Amino acid sequence: MKFNTVSPLSISENVLGILGNKIASGRELTMAERMMALSASGAIVASAYGPGPTEMVVKTPELPENVKGMLANYAG
């Protein structure tokens, strides 16, 4: 009896495959499809090169000085 292995589905790879086929057929992507392509490609790159769960630490993000200045100006 021969056993086949099943690999888990990657939603990002599926999205990129579908959108890649659409571009390959000569059609343009809609704005929503472009955003999906950016998100999916970012997920794949992050999974390959991003930090692992042990290196990830939740920190409060610091605002840049120019953003703090704009907030102060708009506050009054």
PDB file of N, CA and C in Angstrom:
ATOM      1  N   MET A   1       0.843  -1.168   0.000  1.00  0.00           N
ATOM      2  CA  MET A   1       0.000   0.000   0.000  1.00  0.00           C
ATOM      3  C   MET A   1       0.894   1.238   0.000  1.00  0.00           C
ATOM      4  N   LYS A   2       0.579   2.192  -0.864  1.00  0.00           N
ATOM      5  CA  LYS A   2       1.376   3.403  -0.983  1.00  0.00           C
ATOM      6  C   LYS A   2       0.668   4.540  -0.254  1.00  0.00           C
ATOM      7  N   PHE A   3       1.441   5.271   0.562  1.00  0.00           N
ATOM      8  CA  PHE A   3       0.888   6.404   1.295  1.00  0.00           C
ATOM      9  C   PHE A   3       1.347   7.698   0.643  1.00  0.00           C
ATOM     10  N   ASN A   4       0.440   8.617   0.526  1.00  0.00           N
ATOM     11  CA  ASN A   4       0.766   9.938   0.000  1.00  0.00           C
ATOM     12  C   ASN A   4       0.825  10.921   1.151  1.00  0.00           C
ATOM     13  N   THR A   5       1.767  11.840   1.068  1.00  0.00           N
ATOM     14  CA  THR A   5       1.841  12.880   2.094  1.00  0.00           C
ATOM     15  C   THR A   5       1.008  14.069   1.641  1.00  0.00           C
ATOM     16  N   VAL A   6       0.419  14.715   2.584  1.00  0.00           N
ATOM     17  CA  VAL A   6      -0.399  15.894   2.309  1.00  0.00           C
ATOM     18  C   VAL A   6       0.251  17.076   2.993  1.00  0.00           C
ATOM     19  N   SER A   7       0.541  18.105   2.218  1.00  0.00           N
ATOM     20  CA  SER A   7       1.129  19.301   2.816  1.00  0.00           C
ATOM     21  C   SER A   7       0.013  20.282   3.153  1.00  0.00           C
ATOM     22  N   PRO A   8       0.191  21.062   4.214  1.00  0.00           N
ATOM     23  CA  PRO A   8      -0.850  22.023   4.588  1.00  0.00           C
ATOM     24  C   PRO A   8      -0.999  23.114   3.527  1.00  0.00           C
ATOM     25  N   LEU A   9      -2.203  23.607   3.406  1.00  0.00           N
ATOM     26  CA  LEU A   9      -2.466  24.662   2.434  1.00  0.00           C
ATOM     27  C   LEU A   9      -1.931  25.987   2.945  1.00  0.00           C
ATOM     28  N   SER A  10      -1.365  26.739   2.059  1.00  0.00           N
ATOM     29  CA  SER A  10      -0.934  28.092   2.382  1.00  0.00           C
ATOM     30  C   SER A  10      -1.858  29.045   1.641  1.00  0.00           C
ATOM     31  N   ILE A  11      -2.641  29.774   2.397  1.00  0.00           N
ATOM     32  CA  ILE A  11      -3.579  30.719   1.782  1.00  0.00           C
ATOM     33  C   ILE A  11      -2.824  31.746   0.951  1.00  0.00           C
ATOM     34  N   SER A  12      -1.697  32.228   1.475  1.00  0.00           N
ATOM     35  CA  SER A  12      -0.922  33.239   0.751  1.00  0.00           C
ATOM     36  C   SER A  12      -0.444  32.703  -0.593  1.00  0.00           C
ATOM     37  N   GLU A  13       0.043  31.460  -0.614  1.00  0.00           N
ATOM     38  CA  GLU A  13       0.495  30.877  -1.877  1.00  0.00           C
ATOM     39  C   GLU A  13      -0.668  30.690  -2.840  1.00  0.00           C
ATOM     40  N   ASN A  14      -1.822  30.306  -2.331  1.00  0.00           N
ATOM     41  CA  ASN A  14      -3.002  30.147  -3.192  1.00  0.00           C
ATOM     42  C   ASN A  14      -3.427  31.481  -3.786  1.00  0.00           C
ATOM     43  N   VAL A  15      -3.442  32.526  -2.960  1.00  0.00           N
ATOM     44  CA  VAL A  15      -3.830  33.857  -3.441  1.00  0.00           C
ATOM     45  C   VAL A  15      -2.862  34.320  -4.518  1.00  0.00           C
ATOM     46  N   LEU A  16      -1.555  34.160  -4.264  1.00  0.00           N
ATOM     47  CA  LEU A  16      -0.572  34.588  -5.257  1.00  0.00           C
ATOM     48  C   LEU A  16      -0.693  33.774  -6.543  1.00  0.00           C
ATOM     49  N   GLY A  17      -1.020  32.495  -6.432  1.00  0.00           N
ATOM     50  CA  GLY A  17      -1.211  31.675  -7.626  1.00  0.00           C
ATOM     51  C   GLY A  17      -2.394  32.134  -8.452  1.00  0.00           C
ATOM     52  N   ILE A  18      -3.501  32.411  -7.786  1.00  0.00           N
ATOM     53  CA  ILE A  18      -4.708  32.862  -8.492  1.00  0.00           C
ATOM     54  C   ILE A  18      -4.463  34.209  -9.162  1.00  0.00           C
ATOM     55  N   LEU A  19      -3.880  35.149  -8.411  1.00  0.00           N
ATOM     56  CA  LEU A  19      -3.642  36.481  -8.966  1.00  0.00           C
ATOM     57  C   LEU A  19      -2.552  36.448 -10.035  1.00  0.00           C
ATOM     58  N   GLY A  20      -1.560  35.581  -9.855  1.00  0.00           N
ATOM     59  CA  GLY A  20      -0.519  35.437 -10.874  1.00  0.00           C
ATOM     60  C   GLY A  20      -1.076  34.907 -12.179  1.00  0.00           C
ATOM     61  N   ASN A  21      -2.000  33.963 -12.088  1.00  0.00           N
ATOM     62  CA  ASN A  21      -2.651  33.445 -13.300  1.00  0.00           C
ATOM     63  C   ASN A  21      -3.467  34.525 -13.990  1.00  0.00           C
ATOM     64  N   LYS A  22      -4.087  35.391 -13.204  1.00  0.00           N
ATOM     65  CA  LYS A  22      -4.878  36.476 -13.790  1.00  0.00           C
ATOM     66  C   LYS A  22      -3.971  37.437 -14.557  1.00  0.00           C
ATOM     67  N   ILE A  23      -2.828  37.780 -13.962  1.00  0.00           N
ATOM     68  CA  ILE A  23      -1.886  38.677 -14.640  1.00  0.00           C
ATOM     69  C   ILE A  23      -1.293  37.992 -15.869  1.00  0.00           C
ATOM     70  N   ALA A  24      -0.973  36.701 -15.744  1.00  0.00           N
ATOM     71  CA  ALA A  24      -0.388  35.961 -16.865  1.00  0.00           C
ATOM     72  C   ALA A  24      -1.341  35.884 -18.054  1.00  0.00           C
ATOM     73  N   SER A  25      -2.646  35.932 -17.784  1.00  0.00           N
ATOM     74  CA  SER A  25      -3.616  35.886 -18.879  1.00  0.00           C
ATOM     75  C   SER A  25      -3.843  37.259 -19.501  1.00  0.00           C
ATOM     76  N   GLY A  26      -3.143  38.280 -18.985  1.00  0.00           N
ATOM     77  CA  GLY A  26      -3.219  39.607 -19.590  1.00  0.00           C
ATOM     78  C   GLY A  26      -4.245  40.535 -18.982  1.00  0.00           C
ATOM     79  N   ARG A  27      -4.853  40.132 -17.882  1.00  0.00           N
ATOM     80  CA  ARG A  27      -5.856  40.991 -17.251  1.00  0.00           C
ATOM     81  C   ARG A  27      -5.220  41.826 -16.150  1.00  0.00           C
ATOM     82  N   GLU A  28      -5.857  42.934 -15.829  1.00  0.00           N
ATOM     83  CA  GLU A  28      -5.372  43.831 -14.775  1.00  0.00           C
ATOM     84  C   GLU A  28      -5.981  43.439 -13.439  1.00  0.00           C
ATOM     85  N   LEU A  29      -5.254  43.720 -12.367  1.00  0.00           N
ATOM     86  CA  LEU A  29      -5.772  43.462 -11.025  1.00  0.00           C
ATOM     87  C   LEU A  29      -6.574  44.658 -10.543  1.00  0.00           C
ATOM     88  N   THR A  30      -7.635  44.390  -9.800  1.00  0.00           N
ATOM     89  CA  THR A  30      -8.397  45.466  -9.174  1.00  0.00           C
ATOM     90  C   THR A  30      -7.617  45.966  -7.960  1.00  0.00           C
ATOM     91  N   MET A  31      -8.074  47.057  -7.381  1.00  0.00           N
ATOM     92  CA  MET A  31      -7.400  47.601  -6.201  1.00  0.00           C
ATOM     93  C   MET A  31      -7.411  46.585  -5.056  1.00  0.00           C
ATOM     94  N   ALA A  32      -8.540  45.920  -4.850  1.00  0.00           N
ATOM     95  CA  ALA A  32      -8.628  44.922  -3.779  1.00  0.00           C
ATOM     96  C   ALA A  32      -7.667  43.766  -4.039  1.00  0.00           C
ATOM     97  N   GLU A  33      -7.557  43.351  -5.297  1.00  0.00           N
ATOM     98  CA  GLU A  33      -6.641  42.263  -5.631  1.00  0.00           C
ATOM     99  C   GLU A  33      -5.191  42.683  -5.441  1.00  0.00           C
ATOM    100  N   ARG A  34      -4.888  43.936  -5.738  1.00  0.00           N
ATOM    101  CA  ARG A  34      -3.522  44.437  -5.505  1.00  0.00           C
ATOM    102  C   ARG A  34      -3.184  44.410  -4.022  1.00  0.00           C
ATOM    103  N   MET A  35      -4.143  44.815  -3.199  1.00  0.00           N
ATOM    104  CA  MET A  35      -3.917  44.791  -1.748  1.00  0.00           C
ATOM    105  C   MET A  35      -3.748  43.355  -1.256  1.00  0.00           C
ATOM    106  N   MET A  36      -4.536  42.438  -1.809  1.00  0.00           N
ATOM    107  CA  MET A  36      -4.399  41.029  -1.439  1.00  0.00           C
ATOM    108  C   MET A  36      -3.029  40.502  -1.841  1.00  0.00           C
ATOM    109  N   ALA A  37      -2.540  40.898  -3.020  1.00  0.00           N
ATOM    110  CA  ALA A  37      -1.225  40.455  -3.485  1.00  0.00           C
ATOM    111  C   ALA A  37      -0.122  40.996  -2.583  1.00  0.00           C
ATOM    112  N   LEU A  38      -0.227  42.255  -2.189  1.00  0.00           N
ATOM    113  CA  LEU A  38       0.768  42.838  -1.286  1.00  0.00           C
ATOM    114  C   LEU A  38       0.773  42.126   0.058  1.00  0.00           C
ATOM    115  N   SER A  39      -0.408  41.868   0.581  1.00  0.00           N
ATOM    116  CA  SER A  39      -0.520  41.200   1.877  1.00  0.00           C
ATOM    117  C   SER A  39       0.020  39.775   1.817  1.00  0.00           C
ATOM    118  N   ALA A  40      -0.334  39.049   0.769  1.00  0.00           N
ATOM    119  CA  ALA A  40       0.114  37.659   0.642  1.00  0.00           C
ATOM    120  C   ALA A  40       1.618  37.578   0.443  1.00  0.00           C
ATOM    121  N   SER A  41       2.166  38.464  -0.386  1.00  0.00           N
ATOM    122  CA  SER A  41       3.612  38.424  -0.605  1.00  0.00           C
ATOM    123  C   SER A  41       4.354  38.820   0.662  1.00  0.00           C
ATOM    124  N   GLY A  42       3.808  39.772   1.413  1.00  0.00           N
ATOM    125  CA  GLY A  42       4.418  40.144   2.693  1.00  0.00           C
ATOM    126  C   GLY A  42       4.401  39.001   3.688  1.00  0.00           C
ATOM    127  N   ALA A  43       3.321  38.236   3.700  1.00  0.00           N
ATOM    128  CA  ALA A  43       3.228  37.098   4.619  1.00  0.00           C
ATOM    129  C   ALA A  43       4.252  36.025   4.278  1.00  0.00           C
ATOM    130  N   ILE A  44       4.460  35.791   2.991  1.00  0.00           N
ATOM    131  CA  ILE A  44       5.431  34.773   2.586  1.00  0.00           C
ATOM    132  C   ILE A  44       6.847  35.227   2.904  1.00  0.00           C
ATOM    133  N   VAL A  45       7.156  36.486   2.621  1.00  0.00           N
ATOM    134  CA  VAL A  45       8.500  36.998   2.921  1.00  0.00           C
ATOM    135  C   VAL A  45       8.743  36.988   4.422  1.00  0.00           C
ATOM    136  N   ALA A  46       7.753  37.392   5.200  1.00  0.00           N
ATOM    137  CA  ALA A  46       7.916  37.421   6.659  1.00  0.00           C
ATOM    138  C   ALA A  46       8.101  36.026   7.228  1.00  0.00           C
ATOM    139  N   SER A  47       7.411  35.046   6.654  1.00  0.00           N
ATOM    140  CA  SER A  47       7.557  33.688   7.181  1.00  0.00           C
ATOM    141  C   SER A  47       8.930  33.123   6.857  1.00  0.00           C
ATOM    142  N   ALA A  48       9.528  33.580   5.766  1.00  0.00           N
ATOM    143  CA  ALA A  48      10.850  33.080   5.383  1.00  0.00           C
ATOM    144  C   ALA A  48      11.971  33.824   6.097  1.00  0.00           C
ATOM    145  N   TYR A  49      11.806  35.124   6.327  1.00  0.00           N
ATOM    146  CA  TYR A  49      12.903  35.930   6.837  1.00  0.00           C
ATOM    147  C   TYR A  49      12.612  36.633   8.153  1.00  0.00           C
ATOM    148  N   GLY A  50      11.368  36.617   8.597  1.00  0.00           N
ATOM    149  CA  GLY A  50      10.994  37.349   9.800  1.00  0.00           C
ATOM    150  C   GLY A  50      11.475  36.672  11.062  1.00  0.00           C
ATOM    151  N   PRO A  51      11.336  37.359  12.181  1.00  0.00           N
ATOM    152  CA  PRO A  51      11.743  36.765  13.456  1.00  0.00           C
ATOM    153  C   PRO A  51      10.803  35.634  13.845  1.00  0.00           C
ATOM    154  N   GLY A  52      11.321  34.697  14.566  1.00  0.00           N
ATOM    155  CA  GLY A  52      10.503  33.605  15.066  1.00  0.00           C
ATOM    156  C   GLY A  52       9.748  34.034  16.309  1.00  0.00           C
ATOM    157  N   PRO A  53       8.843  33.206  16.786  1.00  0.00           N
ATOM    158  CA  PRO A  53       8.048  33.562  17.959  1.00  0.00           C
ATOM    159  C   PRO A  53       8.882  33.824  19.210  1.00  0.00           C
ATOM    160  N   THR A  54      10.035  33.182  19.324  1.00  0.00           N
ATOM    161  CA  THR A  54      10.850  33.392  20.525  1.00  0.00           C
ATOM    162  C   THR A  54      11.534  34.746  20.517  1.00  0.00           C
ATOM    163  N   GLU A  55      11.788  35.303  19.331  1.00  0.00           N
ATOM    164  CA  GLU A  55      12.437  36.614  19.259  1.00  0.00           C
ATOM    165  C   GLU A  55      11.451  37.771  19.305  1.00  0.00           C
ATOM    166  N   MET A  56      10.179  37.478  19.135  1.00  0.00           N
ATOM    167  CA  MET A  56       9.193  38.551  19.075  1.00  0.00           C
ATOM    168  C   MET A  56       8.804  38.997  20.477  1.00  0.00           C
ATOM    169  N   VAL A  57       8.919  40.294  20.710  1.00  0.00           N
ATOM    170  CA  VAL A  57       8.557  40.883  21.987  1.00  0.00           C
ATOM    171  C   VAL A  57       7.626  42.048  21.692  1.00  0.00           C
ATOM    172  N   VAL A  58       6.509  42.095  22.370  1.00  0.00           N
ATOM    173  CA  VAL A  58       5.560  43.177  22.159  1.00  0.00           C
ATOM    174  C   VAL A  58       6.064  44.413  22.888  1.00  0.00           C
ATOM    175  N   LYS A  59       6.245  45.491  22.126  1.00  0.00           N
ATOM    176  CA  LYS A  59       6.685  46.758  22.694  1.00  0.00           C
ATOM    177  C   LYS A  59       5.708  47.842  22.266  1.00  0.00           C
ATOM    178  N   THR A  60       5.610  48.868  23.068  1.00  0.00           N
ATOM    179  CA  THR A  60       4.799  50.014  22.693  1.00  0.00           C
ATOM    180  C   THR A  60       5.557  50.804  21.638  1.00  0.00           C
ATOM    181  N   PRO A  61       4.955  51.028  20.468  1.00  0.00           N
ATOM    182  CA  PRO A  61       5.677  51.764  19.424  1.00  0.00           C
ATOM    183  C   PRO A  61       5.863  53.225  19.815  1.00  0.00           C
ATOM    184  N   GLU A  62       7.021  53.758  19.502  1.00  0.00           N
ATOM    185  CA  GLU A  62       7.320  55.162  19.761  1.00  0.00           C
ATOM    186  C   GLU A  62       6.959  55.984  18.531  1.00  0.00           C
ATOM    187  N   LEU A  63       6.346  57.129  18.761  1.00  0.00           N
ATOM    188  CA  LEU A  63       6.004  58.013  17.655  1.00  0.00           C
ATOM    189  C   LEU A  63       7.230  58.826  17.256  1.00  0.00           C
ATOM    190  N   PRO A  64       7.435  59.028  15.956  1.00  0.00           N
ATOM    191  CA  PRO A  64       8.523  59.903  15.518  1.00  0.00           C
ATOM    192  C   PRO A  64       8.265  61.337  15.971  1.00  0.00           C
ATOM    193  N   GLU A  65       9.328  62.126  16.062  1.00  0.00           N
ATOM    194  CA  GLU A  65       9.205  63.505  16.548  1.00  0.00           C
ATOM    195  C   GLU A  65       8.296  64.348  15.664  1.00  0.00           C
ATOM    196  N   ASN A  66       8.344  64.148  14.343  1.00  0.00           N
ATOM    197  CA  ASN A  66       7.487  64.960  13.473  1.00  0.00           C
ATOM    198  C   ASN A  66       6.011  64.657  13.701  1.00  0.00           C
ATOM    199  N   VAL A  67       5.683  63.405  14.031  1.00  0.00           N
ATOM    200  CA  VAL A  67       4.293  63.055  14.329  1.00  0.00           C
ATOM    201  C   VAL A  67       3.880  63.669  15.660  1.00  0.00           C
ATOM    202  N   LYS A  68       4.766  63.645  16.650  1.00  0.00           N
ATOM    203  CA  LYS A  68       4.467  64.281  17.937  1.00  0.00           C
ATOM    204  C   LYS A  68       4.232  65.776  17.748  1.00  0.00           C
ATOM    205  N   GLY A  69       5.032  66.402  16.885  1.00  0.00           N
ATOM    206  CA  GLY A  69       4.854  67.824  16.607  1.00  0.00           C
ATOM    207  C   GLY A  69       3.523  68.116  15.948  1.00  0.00           C
ATOM    208  N   MET A  70       3.130  67.280  15.003  1.00  0.00           N
ATOM    209  CA  MET A  70       1.837  67.475  14.345  1.00  0.00           C
ATOM    210  C   MET A  70       0.698  67.307  15.338  1.00  0.00           C
ATOM    211  N   LEU A  71       0.814  66.324  16.232  1.00  0.00           N
ATOM    212  CA  LEU A  71      -0.220  66.133  17.248  1.00  0.00           C
ATOM    213  C   LEU A  71      -0.322  67.354  18.148  1.00  0.00           C
ATOM    214  N   ALA A  72       0.818  67.922  18.519  1.00  0.00           N
ATOM    215  CA  ALA A  72       0.813  69.116  19.368  1.00  0.00           C
ATOM    216  C   ALA A  72       0.186  70.295  18.641  1.00  0.00           C
ATOM    217  N   ASN A  73       0.485  70.451  17.351  1.00  0.00           N
ATOM    218  CA  ASN A  73      -0.090  71.557  16.578  1.00  0.00           C
ATOM    219  C   ASN A  73      -1.598  71.422  16.450  1.00  0.00           C
ATOM    220  N   TYR A  74      -2.071  70.229  16.209  1.00  0.00           N
ATOM    221  CA  TYR A  74      -3.506  70.034  16.046  1.00  0.00           C
ATOM    222  C   TYR A  74      -4.246  70.069  17.376  1.00  0.00           C
ATOM    223  N   ALA A  75      -3.525  69.839  18.469  1.00  0.00           N
ATOM    224  CA  ALA A  75      -4.167  69.885  19.783  1.00  0.00           C
ATOM    225  C   ALA A  75      -4.466  71.319  20.200  1.00  0.00           C
ATOM    226  N   GLY A  76      -3.778  72.262  19.630  1.00  0.00           N
ATOM    227  CA  GLY A  76      -4.099  73.642  19.972  1.00  0.00           C
ATOM    228  C   GLY A  76      -2.871  74.416  20.062  1.00  0.00           C
TER     229      GLY A  76
END
